[in-house]
Amino acid sequence: MATKPMRRINIIGHQNPDTDSICSALAYAWLKNRGSLKGLYEARRAGHINRETRFVLQHFGVEPPRLCTDVSPQIKDIDIRKQAGIDGEMSVRAAWNLMRDVEIDTLCIVDNEGELQGLITIKDIADANMDLFDTAVLAAASTRYSNLLETLEAELVVGNADTRIDSGNICIGTSPEIMEELVKPDDLVLVSNRYEAQMCAIDCGARAIIVCCGSAVPRTIVARAQEKGCAILATPYDTYAAARLISTAAPVRHFMRTKELLKFSVNTPIEDARKVMASVRHRYFPILDENGKYCGVVSRRNLLNLHRKQLILVDHNERQQAVDGLEEADILEIIDHHRIGNLETTGPVYFRNVPVGCTATILYQMFGEQGMTPSKEIAGLLLSAILSDTLMFRSPTSTPQDEAAAKALAALAGEDIPTYAEQMFEAGADLTGRDAEDVFCSDFKVFSRGDAKFGVGQSIYMTDKSRAAAEALVGPFLPEASRREGLPIIFYMFTDMKTQSTDLMYCGNAAEQIVRDAFHVEPKDGKAWLPGVVSRKKQLIPPLLAALQAHQE
């Protein structure tokens, strides 16, 4: 009994990902895939990779995770009916028989490459069969004799099965007297076992005669047909049955719908598909795979059997920082080192929250608990994340566990911590070719408590010159950022790693007063200097939340 393939589980960090968010996702996927379910876990990213992280990935030769900004259910998350596409040359009768056998009322026509050409429904077949006066349908559809042989269960006595019918009408030959006026050159003539009728049809220039009732064809008729270039087909059906069936030998491509086809991609959001389905009376809809090839059909009923995307969150546990559509996904685990936020899950999850300076430190502990040693590349990623989040152990969020983990990982990665950290931070601070939006989004998070909602970004610099250049670039952009993000207040930290201080810029109603109340400083020209403040999580967010709450009261 065939088993369904295991569904992929995505490991993903927060929006506007930093080095910890990306590297922890990659490292945890590596660890998970070393278990019994190999290849099941995939690291993803919820935004663009900043320069620091790009330097890290390139330094250790690791490919960046694929982008994932929305985990709302898509067509790929339901059970698509794997109904094979059919050849456009299939006869209408064969298509109808297939519909009956597999209990489906829509078939999709594809070419040799799997490209969708059109579709045909049971209604289209019924309409074609009800057109009783279309005696030229086989010629109009350029039907091959092979279709006639299949439909009439006939034997080809004279002729070539691959020959196409491109002219002539269908008619029934009864007596020579009537046939002389009825039969025209290139017609297809259904005849009985009467020798005279058969010979008359051939002499009238028929393209083919269909001998009914399983009658034997005399050798003289065969010879005459060969002489005149007339095909002979012998069918066991009587003339009435053959007359009813013959038009259904036309290929489905002649009747298929090709214009304005309602089709979906496997990446189409379920909600979009549901709206389209509600607006029409079709039952089945073609589905195209990632490469645009036909892969099956779906109906409204399929939408009820939805498999929610499965996620593991790293380096965040607040809804505002997560990918879109999170409420429609199943969260399996959360690995984080931040405060516990407002995220809700549909069921119990494995939640590991440790008060250390970096998620990567927690992952290093998990490696040890499982008796696993990270590869050189993974060790380098974990090391980079710890150095980035703890500002090379200068941040107040840094703990002895972080420093011990970093030293062990540096040995595995073959890196000297001071030298490598300086290279990494300089790469992240480089402003060459960057605009204000790029710098602003490199590490930006949204926070809330009660009705208070605000955003805080942070960039870290090694020199006064690079920090001042960044401030001049990003400062004027803050009002636009506030509008785009839909946030009433925005703060941005320009942190000097060497002096262990931060220039805090801000934008929004009462932002300046909130900064005064939170840090007991006097801002000047839209900026406040905060000596000793380098950690967003531990030194900036708590005072801001307290000041915001007091201001609302």
Protein backbone atom coordinates (compact mmCIF):
# COMPACT_ATOMS: atom_id res chain seq x y z
CA MET A 1 0.00 0.00 0.00
CA ALA A 2 1.51 3.32 -1.10
CA THR A 3 2.22 5.85 1.62
CA LYS A 4 1.86 9.57 1.23
CA PRO A 5 5.14 11.51 1.05
CA MET A 6 6.16 13.32 4.23
CA ARG A 7 5.37 17.01 4.16
CA ARG A 8 8.25 19.47 4.44
CA ILE A 9 8.67 21.42 7.69
CA ASN A 10 10.01 24.96 7.34
CA ILE A 11 12.36 26.44 9.94
CA ILE A 12 12.15 30.21 9.76
CA GLY A 13 13.19 33.35 11.62
CA HIS A 14 11.62 36.78 11.86
CA GLN A 15 10.97 39.41 9.21
CA ASN A 16 13.94 41.63 8.27
CA PRO A 17 16.19 38.75 9.36
CA ASP A 18 19.51 39.33 11.09
CA THR A 19 22.48 36.97 11.23
CA ASP A 20 21.11 34.98 14.18
CA SER A 21 17.74 34.50 12.46
CA ILE A 22 19.28 33.14 9.25
CA CYS A 23 22.13 31.13 10.74
CA SER A 24 20.00 29.54 13.46
CA ALA A 25 17.43 28.40 10.88
CA LEU A 26 20.18 26.82 8.75
CA ALA A 27 21.88 25.18 11.72
CA TYR A 28 18.66 23.78 13.20
CA ALA A 29 17.61 22.36 9.81
CA TRP A 30 21.04 20.69 9.56
CA LEU A 31 20.62 19.18 13.03
CA LYS A 32 17.05 18.03 12.42
CA ASN A 33 17.91 16.40 9.09
CA ARG A 34 20.56 14.27 10.80
CA GLY A 35 17.74 12.42 12.53
CA SER A 36 15.40 9.72 11.20
CA LEU A 37 13.44 12.12 8.98
CA LYS A 38 16.29 13.17 6.69
CA GLY A 39 15.59 15.95 4.23
CA LEU A 40 12.25 16.79 5.81
CA TYR A 41 13.34 20.11 7.32
CA GLU A 42 14.21 23.20 5.29
CA ALA A 43 15.57 26.54 6.48
CA ARG A 44 13.70 29.54 5.07
CA ARG A 45 14.05 33.31 5.42
CA ALA A 46 11.28 35.86 5.91
CA GLY A 47 13.03 38.79 4.23
CA HIS A 48 16.09 40.03 2.41
CA ILE A 49 19.52 39.08 3.72
CA ASN A 50 21.55 41.99 5.09
CA ARG A 51 25.19 42.59 4.23
CA GLU A 52 26.58 41.15 7.41
CA THR A 53 24.70 37.90 6.94
CA ARG A 54 25.63 37.76 3.26
CA PHE A 55 29.29 38.06 4.24
CA VAL A 56 28.88 35.19 6.72
CA LEU A 57 27.22 32.89 4.19
CA GLN A 58 29.81 33.62 1.52
CA HIS A 59 32.68 33.23 4.00
CA PHE A 60 31.56 29.71 4.92
CA GLY A 61 30.30 28.75 1.47
CA VAL A 62 26.66 28.22 2.48
CA GLU A 63 23.73 28.92 0.16
CA PRO A 64 21.13 31.35 1.57
CA PRO A 65 17.73 29.90 2.49
CA ARG A 66 14.83 30.33 0.08
CA LEU A 67 12.54 33.31 0.65
CA CYS A 68 9.19 32.74 2.38
CA THR A 69 7.11 35.78 3.30
CA ASP A 70 3.67 34.17 3.57
CA VAL A 71 2.63 30.79 4.97
CA SER A 72 -1.05 31.08 4.09
CA PRO A 73 -2.35 27.79 2.62
CA GLN A 74 -1.88 27.31 -1.11
CA ILE A 75 -3.20 24.85 -3.65
CA LYS A 76 -0.13 22.67 -2.97
CA ASP A 77 -1.43 22.24 0.62
CA ILE A 78 -4.55 20.34 -0.41
CA ASP A 79 -4.95 16.89 -1.95
CA ILE A 80 -4.80 17.59 -5.67
CA ARG A 81 -6.53 14.93 -7.78
CA LYS A 82 -3.74 13.42 -9.86
CA GLN A 83 -5.89 12.89 -12.95
CA ALA A 84 -3.57 12.31 -15.90
CA GLY A 85 -3.82 14.66 -18.87
CA ILE A 86 -5.06 13.21 -22.16
CA ASP A 87 -3.81 13.47 -25.73
CA GLY A 88 -5.75 15.86 -27.92
CA GLU A 89 -6.12 13.04 -30.48
CA MET A 90 -8.18 10.94 -28.06
CA SER A 91 -11.65 10.33 -29.46
CA VAL A 92 -14.68 11.90 -27.85
CA ARG A 93 -16.03 8.42 -27.12
CA ALA A 94 -12.82 7.34 -25.40
CA ALA A 95 -12.89 10.53 -23.34
CA TRP A 96 -16.47 9.88 -22.32
CA ASN A 97 -15.64 6.31 -21.33
CA LEU A 98 -12.71 7.57 -19.25
CA MET A 99 -14.92 10.13 -17.50
CA ARG A 100 -17.38 7.38 -16.65
CA ASP A 101 -14.73 4.95 -15.42
CA VAL A 102 -12.89 7.40 -13.14
CA GLU A 103 -16.03 9.35 -12.19
CA ILE A 104 -14.90 12.79 -13.29
CA ASP A 105 -16.66 15.27 -15.55
CA THR A 106 -13.63 17.25 -16.75
CA LEU A 107 -10.51 16.11 -18.59
CA CYS A 108 -7.45 18.21 -19.35
CA ILE A 109 -5.70 17.99 -22.70
CA VAL A 110 -1.88 18.27 -22.65
CA ASP A 111 0.90 18.10 -25.22
CA ASN A 112 3.98 15.87 -25.14
CA GLU A 113 5.74 18.35 -22.81
CA GLY A 114 2.92 18.39 -20.28
CA GLU A 115 1.74 21.86 -21.27
CA LEU A 116 -1.98 22.43 -20.77
CA GLN A 117 -3.71 22.81 -24.14
CA GLY A 118 -7.34 22.92 -23.09
CA LEU A 119 -10.05 21.03 -21.28
CA ILE A 120 -13.23 19.20 -22.16
CA THR A 121 -16.23 18.64 -19.93
CA ILE A 122 -19.05 16.15 -20.09
CA LYS A 123 -21.27 19.04 -21.17
CA ASP A 124 -19.01 19.71 -24.15
CA ILE A 125 -19.32 16.07 -25.19
CA ALA A 126 -23.09 16.16 -24.79
CA ASP A 127 -23.31 19.31 -26.92
CA ALA A 128 -21.18 17.69 -29.62
CA ASN A 129 -23.35 14.54 -29.69
CA MET A 130 -26.56 16.57 -29.92
CA ASP A 131 -25.42 18.29 -33.11
CA LEU A 132 -27.13 15.66 -35.27
CA PHE A 133 -26.76 17.49 -38.57
CA ASP A 134 -23.00 18.01 -38.47
CA THR A 135 -22.11 15.31 -41.00
CA ALA A 136 -18.75 16.96 -41.75
CA VAL A 137 -17.45 16.77 -38.17
CA LEU A 138 -14.80 14.10 -38.86
CA ALA A 139 -13.30 16.13 -41.69
CA ALA A 140 -13.52 19.38 -39.75
CA ALA A 141 -11.65 17.72 -36.88
CA SER A 142 -9.05 16.12 -39.18
CA THR A 143 -9.81 12.75 -37.64
CA ARG A 144 -7.45 9.80 -38.10
CA TYR A 145 -8.74 6.42 -39.20
CA SER A 146 -7.25 4.99 -36.01
CA ASN A 147 -9.94 6.86 -34.05
CA LEU A 148 -12.63 5.26 -36.23
CA LEU A 149 -11.13 1.83 -35.71
CA GLU A 150 -11.15 2.29 -31.93
CA THR A 151 -14.62 3.82 -31.72
CA LEU A 152 -16.30 1.30 -34.01
CA GLU A 153 -14.15 -1.61 -32.81
CA ALA A 154 -13.43 -2.07 -36.49
CA GLU A 155 -10.84 -3.87 -38.58
CA LEU A 156 -8.93 -1.96 -41.24
CA VAL A 157 -9.27 -4.01 -44.41
CA VAL A 158 -7.81 -1.42 -46.80
CA GLY A 159 -5.97 1.80 -45.96
CA ASN A 160 -3.56 3.33 -43.43
CA ALA A 161 -4.64 3.88 -39.82
CA ASP A 162 -2.65 7.14 -39.59
CA THR A 163 -4.41 8.74 -42.57
CA ARG A 164 -6.45 11.81 -41.66
CA ILE A 165 -9.90 12.66 -42.92
CA ASP A 166 -9.77 16.22 -44.23
CA SER A 167 -12.89 16.42 -46.43
CA GLY A 168 -16.22 14.74 -47.05
CA ASN A 169 -19.40 14.03 -45.09
CA ILE A 170 -20.80 11.00 -43.28
CA CYS A 171 -23.67 9.29 -45.06
CA ILE A 172 -25.49 5.93 -45.06
CA GLY A 173 -25.57 3.90 -48.26
CA THR A 174 -28.85 2.05 -48.63
CA SER A 175 -29.41 1.29 -52.31
CA PRO A 176 -27.39 2.15 -55.45
CA GLU A 177 -30.28 4.21 -56.82
CA ILE A 178 -30.25 6.57 -53.87
CA MET A 179 -26.47 6.51 -53.40
CA GLU A 180 -25.73 7.81 -56.89
CA GLU A 181 -27.28 11.13 -55.86
CA LEU A 182 -26.35 11.04 -52.16
CA VAL A 183 -22.69 10.06 -52.12
CA LYS A 184 -20.13 12.68 -53.12
CA PRO A 185 -16.37 12.30 -53.62
CA ASP A 186 -14.44 11.87 -50.33
CA ASP A 187 -17.54 10.97 -48.31
CA LEU A 188 -17.50 8.29 -45.62
CA VAL A 189 -20.26 5.79 -46.36
CA LEU A 190 -21.77 3.30 -43.96
CA VAL A 191 -22.96 0.25 -45.88
CA SER A 192 -24.45 -3.15 -45.14
CA ASN A 193 -23.37 -6.49 -46.62
CA ARG A 194 -24.98 -5.70 -50.01
CA TYR A 195 -22.33 -6.12 -52.67
CA GLU A 196 -24.01 -3.59 -54.99
CA ALA A 197 -24.10 -0.87 -52.31
CA GLN A 198 -20.45 -1.39 -51.46
CA MET A 199 -19.34 -1.23 -55.08
CA CYS A 200 -21.55 1.80 -55.79
CA ALA A 201 -20.05 3.76 -52.87
CA ILE A 202 -16.54 3.05 -54.14
CA ASP A 203 -17.41 4.01 -57.69
CA CYS A 204 -19.03 7.26 -56.44
CA GLY A 205 -15.62 8.33 -55.07
CA ALA A 206 -16.08 7.56 -51.39
CA ARG A 207 -12.99 8.17 -49.27
CA ALA A 208 -13.90 5.18 -47.10
CA ILE A 209 -16.67 2.68 -46.63
CA ILE A 210 -17.61 1.23 -43.27
CA VAL A 211 -19.02 -2.26 -43.70
CA CYS A 212 -21.42 -2.96 -40.83
CA CYS A 213 -22.83 -6.06 -39.08
CA GLY A 214 -19.50 -7.90 -39.14
CA SER A 215 -19.99 -8.77 -42.78
CA ALA A 216 -17.11 -10.24 -44.74
CA VAL A 217 -15.74 -8.02 -47.49
CA PRO A 218 -15.51 -9.78 -50.89
CA ARG A 219 -12.10 -9.86 -52.57
CA THR A 220 -13.49 -8.04 -55.59
CA ILE A 221 -14.57 -5.15 -53.33
CA VAL A 222 -11.12 -5.08 -51.71
CA ALA A 223 -9.45 -4.99 -55.12
CA ARG A 224 -11.79 -2.24 -56.36
CA ALA A 225 -11.17 -0.15 -53.22
CA GLN A 226 -7.41 -0.48 -53.61
CA GLU A 227 -7.70 0.58 -57.23
CA LYS A 228 -9.81 3.64 -56.34
CA GLY A 229 -7.83 4.61 -53.19
CA CYS A 230 -10.83 3.95 -50.95
CA ALA A 231 -10.32 2.70 -47.40
CA ILE A 232 -12.42 -0.14 -46.02
CA LEU A 233 -13.29 -0.60 -42.36
CA ALA A 234 -15.31 -3.58 -41.14
CA THR A 235 -17.24 -3.13 -37.86
CA PRO A 236 -19.34 -5.61 -35.87
CA TYR A 237 -21.92 -2.90 -35.11
CA ASP A 238 -25.11 -2.69 -37.14
CA THR A 239 -25.70 0.33 -39.33
CA TYR A 240 -27.84 2.15 -36.76
CA ALA A 241 -25.30 1.74 -33.95
CA ALA A 242 -22.36 2.61 -36.22
CA ALA A 243 -24.18 5.73 -37.44
CA ARG A 244 -24.67 6.87 -33.86
CA LEU A 245 -21.09 6.18 -32.84
CA ILE A 246 -19.11 7.39 -35.83
CA SER A 247 -19.17 11.12 -35.04
CA THR A 248 -17.77 10.38 -31.55
CA ALA A 249 -14.53 9.28 -33.22
CA ALA A 250 -13.62 12.97 -33.64
CA PRO A 251 -10.63 14.00 -31.48
CA VAL A 252 -11.29 15.94 -28.30
CA ARG A 253 -9.02 18.80 -29.43
CA HIS A 254 -11.79 19.80 -31.87
CA PHE A 255 -14.22 20.42 -29.00
CA MET A 256 -11.93 21.38 -26.12
CA ARG A 257 -12.06 24.81 -24.49
CA THR A 258 -8.91 26.81 -25.01
CA LYS A 259 -9.82 30.42 -24.24
CA GLU A 260 -10.00 32.03 -20.81
CA LEU A 261 -9.32 28.76 -19.03
CA LEU A 262 -9.75 29.00 -15.26
CA LYS A 263 -6.63 27.34 -13.92
CA PHE A 264 -4.51 27.64 -10.80
CA SER A 265 -0.86 27.23 -9.90
CA VAL A 266 0.22 25.06 -6.99
CA ASN A 267 1.31 28.38 -5.42
CA THR A 268 -2.12 30.03 -5.75
CA PRO A 269 -3.45 31.01 -2.29
CA ILE A 270 -6.45 28.94 -1.26
CA GLU A 271 -8.46 32.07 -0.53
CA ASP A 272 -7.94 33.36 -4.09
CA ALA A 273 -8.93 29.99 -5.54
CA ARG A 274 -12.02 29.84 -3.36
CA LYS A 275 -13.22 33.23 -4.64
CA VAL A 276 -12.76 32.20 -8.28
CA MET A 277 -14.54 28.89 -7.75
CA ALA A 278 -17.49 30.63 -6.14
CA SER A 279 -17.95 32.87 -9.18
CA VAL A 280 -18.38 30.10 -11.80
CA ARG A 281 -20.27 26.83 -12.18
CA HIS A 282 -17.30 24.66 -13.21
CA ARG A 283 -16.63 21.69 -11.00
CA TYR A 284 -12.99 20.87 -11.69
CA PHE A 285 -10.09 23.24 -12.31
CA PRO A 286 -6.67 22.41 -13.84
CA ILE A 287 -3.56 22.83 -11.67
CA LEU A 288 -0.10 23.76 -12.96
CA ASP A 289 3.06 22.82 -11.09
CA GLU A 290 6.07 25.01 -10.26
CA ASN A 291 7.26 24.72 -13.89
CA GLY A 292 3.90 25.60 -15.39
CA LYS A 293 3.12 21.99 -16.36
CA TYR A 294 -0.25 20.33 -15.82
CA CYS A 295 -0.27 18.15 -12.70
CA GLY A 296 -3.91 17.50 -11.78
CA VAL A 297 -7.26 19.05 -10.95
CA VAL A 298 -9.08 20.37 -7.89
CA SER A 299 -12.70 20.91 -7.00
CA ARG A 300 -14.42 22.88 -4.26
CA ARG A 301 -14.57 19.72 -2.17
CA ASN A 302 -10.77 19.43 -2.24
CA LEU A 303 -10.48 22.79 -0.48
CA LEU A 304 -12.07 21.27 2.62
CA ASN A 305 -9.19 18.84 3.07
CA LEU A 306 -6.49 21.39 3.85
CA HIS A 307 -3.05 20.52 5.19
CA ARG A 308 -1.73 23.56 7.03
CA LYS A 309 1.93 24.44 6.57
CA GLN A 310 4.15 23.26 9.40
CA LEU A 311 6.69 25.64 10.92
CA ILE A 312 9.44 25.84 13.48
CA LEU A 313 10.11 29.41 14.60
CA VAL A 314 13.60 30.50 15.61
CA ASP A 315 14.78 33.79 17.13
CA HIS A 316 11.28 35.21 17.64
CA ASN A 317 7.94 34.46 19.25
CA GLU A 318 5.93 37.62 18.56
CA ARG A 319 3.20 37.74 15.92
CA GLN A 320 4.26 41.14 14.59
CA GLN A 321 7.73 39.82 13.69
CA ALA A 322 6.55 36.63 11.99
CA VAL A 323 5.70 35.86 8.38
CA ASP A 324 2.24 36.62 7.04
CA GLY A 325 -0.43 33.93 7.34
CA LEU A 326 1.02 32.52 10.57
CA GLU A 327 -2.45 32.06 12.08
CA GLU A 328 -3.23 29.60 9.25
CA ALA A 329 -0.13 27.45 9.85
CA ASP A 330 0.77 24.82 12.45
CA ILE A 331 3.65 25.88 14.70
CA LEU A 332 5.52 22.80 15.91
CA GLU A 333 8.41 24.35 17.86
CA ILE A 334 9.77 27.71 19.00
CA ILE A 335 13.46 28.20 19.81
CA ASP A 336 14.13 31.71 21.10
CA HIS A 337 16.00 33.91 23.56
CA HIS A 338 13.68 36.96 23.64
CA ARG A 339 10.86 37.89 25.96
CA ILE A 340 7.69 35.86 25.56
CA GLY A 341 5.35 37.82 23.34
CA ASN A 342 1.77 37.55 22.14
CA LEU A 343 1.97 34.53 19.85
CA GLU A 344 -0.82 31.97 20.13
CA THR A 345 -0.72 28.38 18.88
CA THR A 346 -3.53 25.96 18.06
CA GLY A 347 -2.04 23.27 20.29
CA PRO A 348 0.86 22.54 22.61
CA VAL A 349 4.31 23.03 21.08
CA TYR A 350 7.92 22.45 22.04
CA PHE A 351 8.91 25.91 23.32
CA ARG A 352 12.54 26.42 24.34
CA ASN A 353 13.25 29.91 25.63
CA VAL A 354 16.59 30.48 27.34
CA PRO A 355 17.92 33.80 28.73
CA VAL A 356 21.13 33.88 26.69
CA GLY A 357 22.41 36.40 24.18
CA CYS A 358 21.67 34.45 21.03
CA THR A 359 19.44 31.69 19.66
CA ALA A 360 22.55 30.05 18.22
CA THR A 361 23.81 29.45 21.75
CA ILE A 362 20.68 27.44 22.52
CA LEU A 363 21.20 25.44 19.35
CA TYR A 364 24.81 24.73 20.30
CA GLN A 365 23.50 23.34 23.58
CA MET A 366 21.00 21.17 21.67
CA PHE A 367 23.79 19.81 19.47
CA GLY A 368 25.61 18.70 22.61
CA GLU A 369 22.47 17.19 24.15
CA GLN A 370 21.99 15.06 21.05
CA GLY A 371 25.64 14.06 20.88
CA MET A 372 26.12 15.82 17.55
CA THR A 373 29.11 17.88 16.42
CA PRO A 374 28.31 20.58 13.85
CA SER A 375 30.26 20.62 10.61
CA LYS A 376 32.87 23.32 10.04
CA GLU A 377 30.37 25.36 8.01
CA ILE A 378 27.54 25.04 10.54
CA ALA A 379 29.94 25.84 13.40
CA GLY A 380 30.93 28.99 11.51
CA LEU A 381 27.31 30.03 11.12
CA LEU A 382 26.56 29.51 14.81
CA LEU A 383 29.71 31.40 15.78
CA SER A 384 28.76 34.33 13.52
CA ALA A 385 25.27 34.51 15.02
CA ILE A 386 26.63 34.64 18.59
CA LEU A 387 29.23 37.31 17.75
CA SER A 388 26.58 39.39 15.98
CA ASP A 389 23.91 39.21 18.68
CA THR A 390 26.29 39.72 21.61
CA LEU A 391 28.43 42.36 19.83
CA MET A 392 31.40 40.07 20.46
CA PHE A 393 30.37 39.65 24.14
CA ARG A 394 30.12 43.43 24.75
CA SER A 395 26.31 43.44 24.92
CA PRO A 396 24.67 43.23 28.36
CA THR A 397 22.63 40.34 26.94
CA SER A 398 25.82 38.28 26.57
CA THR A 399 26.24 35.44 29.06
CA PRO A 400 29.06 33.07 29.94
CA GLN A 401 27.22 30.38 27.97
CA ASP A 402 27.43 32.54 24.84
CA GLU A 403 31.14 33.12 25.23
CA ALA A 404 31.88 29.46 25.95
CA ALA A 405 29.83 28.35 22.95
CA ALA A 406 31.55 30.87 20.68
CA LYS A 407 35.02 29.72 21.69
CA ALA A 408 34.16 26.07 21.09
CA LEU A 409 32.58 26.90 17.73
CA ALA A 410 35.54 29.06 16.68
CA ALA A 411 37.81 26.06 17.19
CA LEU A 412 35.54 23.89 15.03
CA ALA A 413 35.28 26.58 12.35
CA GLY A 414 38.98 27.41 12.40
CA GLU A 415 38.43 31.12 13.07
CA ASP A 416 40.15 33.68 15.32
CA ILE A 417 37.31 35.48 17.08
CA PRO A 418 38.65 39.09 17.17
CA THR A 419 39.88 39.01 13.56
CA TYR A 420 36.77 37.37 12.16
CA ALA A 421 34.36 39.54 14.19
CA GLU A 422 35.97 42.73 12.89
CA GLN A 423 35.66 41.52 9.29
CA MET A 424 32.02 40.59 9.84
CA PHE A 425 31.02 43.87 11.48
CA GLU A 426 32.82 45.93 8.85
CA ALA A 427 30.99 44.06 6.09
CA GLY A 428 27.67 44.82 7.77
CA ALA A 429 28.49 48.52 8.21
CA ASP A 430 29.56 49.06 4.59
CA LEU A 431 27.21 51.62 3.01
CA THR A 432 28.55 51.34 -0.54
CA GLY A 433 25.66 51.27 -3.00
CA ARG A 434 23.01 51.17 -0.26
CA ASP A 435 19.99 53.41 0.07
CA ALA A 436 18.13 54.50 3.19
CA GLU A 437 15.49 51.78 2.92
CA ASP A 438 18.12 49.05 2.60
CA VAL A 439 19.94 50.19 5.75
CA PHE A 440 16.70 50.74 7.65
CA CYS A 441 15.33 47.25 6.87
CA SER A 442 18.55 45.40 7.61
CA ASP A 443 17.49 44.77 11.23
CA PHE A 444 14.06 46.16 12.06
CA LYS A 445 11.49 44.68 14.44
CA VAL A 446 7.99 45.61 15.58
CA PHE A 447 7.02 45.46 19.27
CA SER A 448 3.76 45.95 21.14
CA ARG A 449 2.21 45.82 24.57
CA GLY A 450 -1.46 46.52 24.97
CA ASP A 451 -2.35 49.36 22.64
CA ALA A 452 1.27 50.48 22.35
CA LYS A 453 2.90 49.51 19.06
CA PHE A 454 6.22 50.72 17.73
CA GLY A 455 9.22 49.65 15.67
CA VAL A 456 12.91 49.59 16.51
CA GLY A 457 15.77 49.17 14.04
CA GLN A 458 19.45 48.81 14.77
CA SER A 459 22.74 49.06 12.89
CA ILE A 460 26.18 48.49 14.39
CA TYR A 461 29.27 50.43 13.31
CA MET A 462 32.97 50.19 13.97
CA THR A 463 33.85 53.89 13.37
CA ASP A 464 32.35 57.33 13.99
CA LYS A 465 32.58 58.09 10.28
CA SER A 466 30.49 55.11 9.15
CA ARG A 467 27.92 55.71 11.90
CA ALA A 468 27.53 59.40 11.01
CA ALA A 469 27.12 58.50 7.33
CA ALA A 470 24.38 56.01 8.19
CA GLU A 471 22.58 58.56 10.37
CA ALA A 472 22.61 61.11 7.55
CA LEU A 473 21.18 58.50 5.20
CA VAL A 474 18.51 56.92 7.40
CA GLY A 475 17.36 59.90 9.52
CA PRO A 476 15.32 61.64 6.77
CA PHE A 477 13.77 58.28 5.82
CA LEU A 478 12.16 57.61 9.20
CA PRO A 479 8.84 59.47 8.51
CA GLU A 480 8.45 57.49 5.28
CA ALA A 481 9.27 54.26 7.09
CA SER A 482 6.64 55.06 9.72
CA ARG A 483 4.03 55.52 6.98
CA ARG A 484 5.00 52.34 5.12
CA GLU A 485 5.07 50.18 8.23
CA GLY A 486 1.84 51.65 9.57
CA LEU A 487 3.48 52.45 12.91
CA PRO A 488 2.82 55.62 14.94
CA ILE A 489 6.34 55.65 16.42
CA ILE A 490 9.68 54.43 15.10
CA PHE A 491 13.09 54.37 16.80
CA TYR A 492 16.43 53.58 15.21
CA MET A 493 19.64 52.66 17.04
CA PHE A 494 22.99 53.62 15.51
CA THR A 495 25.31 51.67 17.80
CA ASP A 496 29.04 52.34 18.03
CA MET A 497 30.64 49.05 18.96
CA LYS A 498 33.95 50.50 20.13
CA THR A 499 32.58 53.26 22.36
CA GLN A 500 29.68 51.10 23.57
CA SER A 501 27.10 53.81 22.94
CA THR A 502 24.08 54.45 20.74
CA ASP A 503 22.70 57.44 18.87
CA LEU A 504 18.93 56.96 19.03
CA MET A 505 16.87 58.64 16.30
CA TYR A 506 13.08 58.66 16.39
CA CYS A 507 9.93 59.68 14.56
CA GLY A 508 6.28 59.94 15.60
CA ASN A 509 3.84 61.56 18.00
CA ALA A 510 5.32 62.14 21.46
CA ALA A 511 8.43 60.13 20.50
CA GLU A 512 10.76 62.79 21.86
CA GLN A 513 8.98 62.94 25.22
CA ILE A 514 8.99 59.15 25.45
CA VAL A 515 12.76 59.12 24.91
CA ARG A 516 13.16 61.74 27.67
CA ASP A 517 11.05 59.71 30.10
CA ALA A 518 12.64 56.38 29.22
CA PHE A 519 16.31 57.36 29.37
CA HIS A 520 16.33 60.65 31.32
CA VAL A 521 18.27 62.44 28.59
CA GLU A 522 17.64 65.62 26.63
CA PRO A 523 17.34 64.82 22.90
CA LYS A 524 18.77 67.30 20.43
CA ASP A 525 17.94 67.68 16.73
CA GLY A 526 15.85 64.51 16.71
CA LYS A 527 18.55 62.38 18.29
CA ALA A 528 19.48 61.18 21.76
CA TRP A 529 22.92 59.94 22.78
CA LEU A 530 22.69 56.89 25.03
CA PRO A 531 26.06 55.96 26.56
CA GLY A 532 26.41 52.32 27.49
CA VAL A 533 23.28 51.31 25.59
CA VAL A 534 24.02 48.69 22.91
CA SER A 535 21.32 46.05 23.37
CA ARG A 536 17.91 46.54 21.83
CA LYS A 537 16.39 43.64 23.73
CA LYS A 538 17.70 44.33 27.19
CA GLN A 539 18.54 48.03 27.36
CA LEU A 540 16.16 49.75 24.95
CA ILE A 541 12.86 47.88 24.74
CA PRO A 542 12.02 47.63 28.49
CA PRO A 543 12.44 51.40 29.21
CA LEU A 544 10.54 52.30 26.04
CA LEU A 545 7.64 49.99 26.93
CA ALA A 546 7.45 51.47 30.45
CA ALA A 547 7.51 55.03 29.11
CA LEU A 548 4.90 54.28 26.45
CA GLN A 549 2.58 52.70 28.99
CA ALA A 550 2.98 55.66 31.36
CA HIS A 551 2.35 58.08 28.52
CA GLN A 552 -0.91 56.29 27.58
CA GLU A 553 -2.12 56.43 31.17
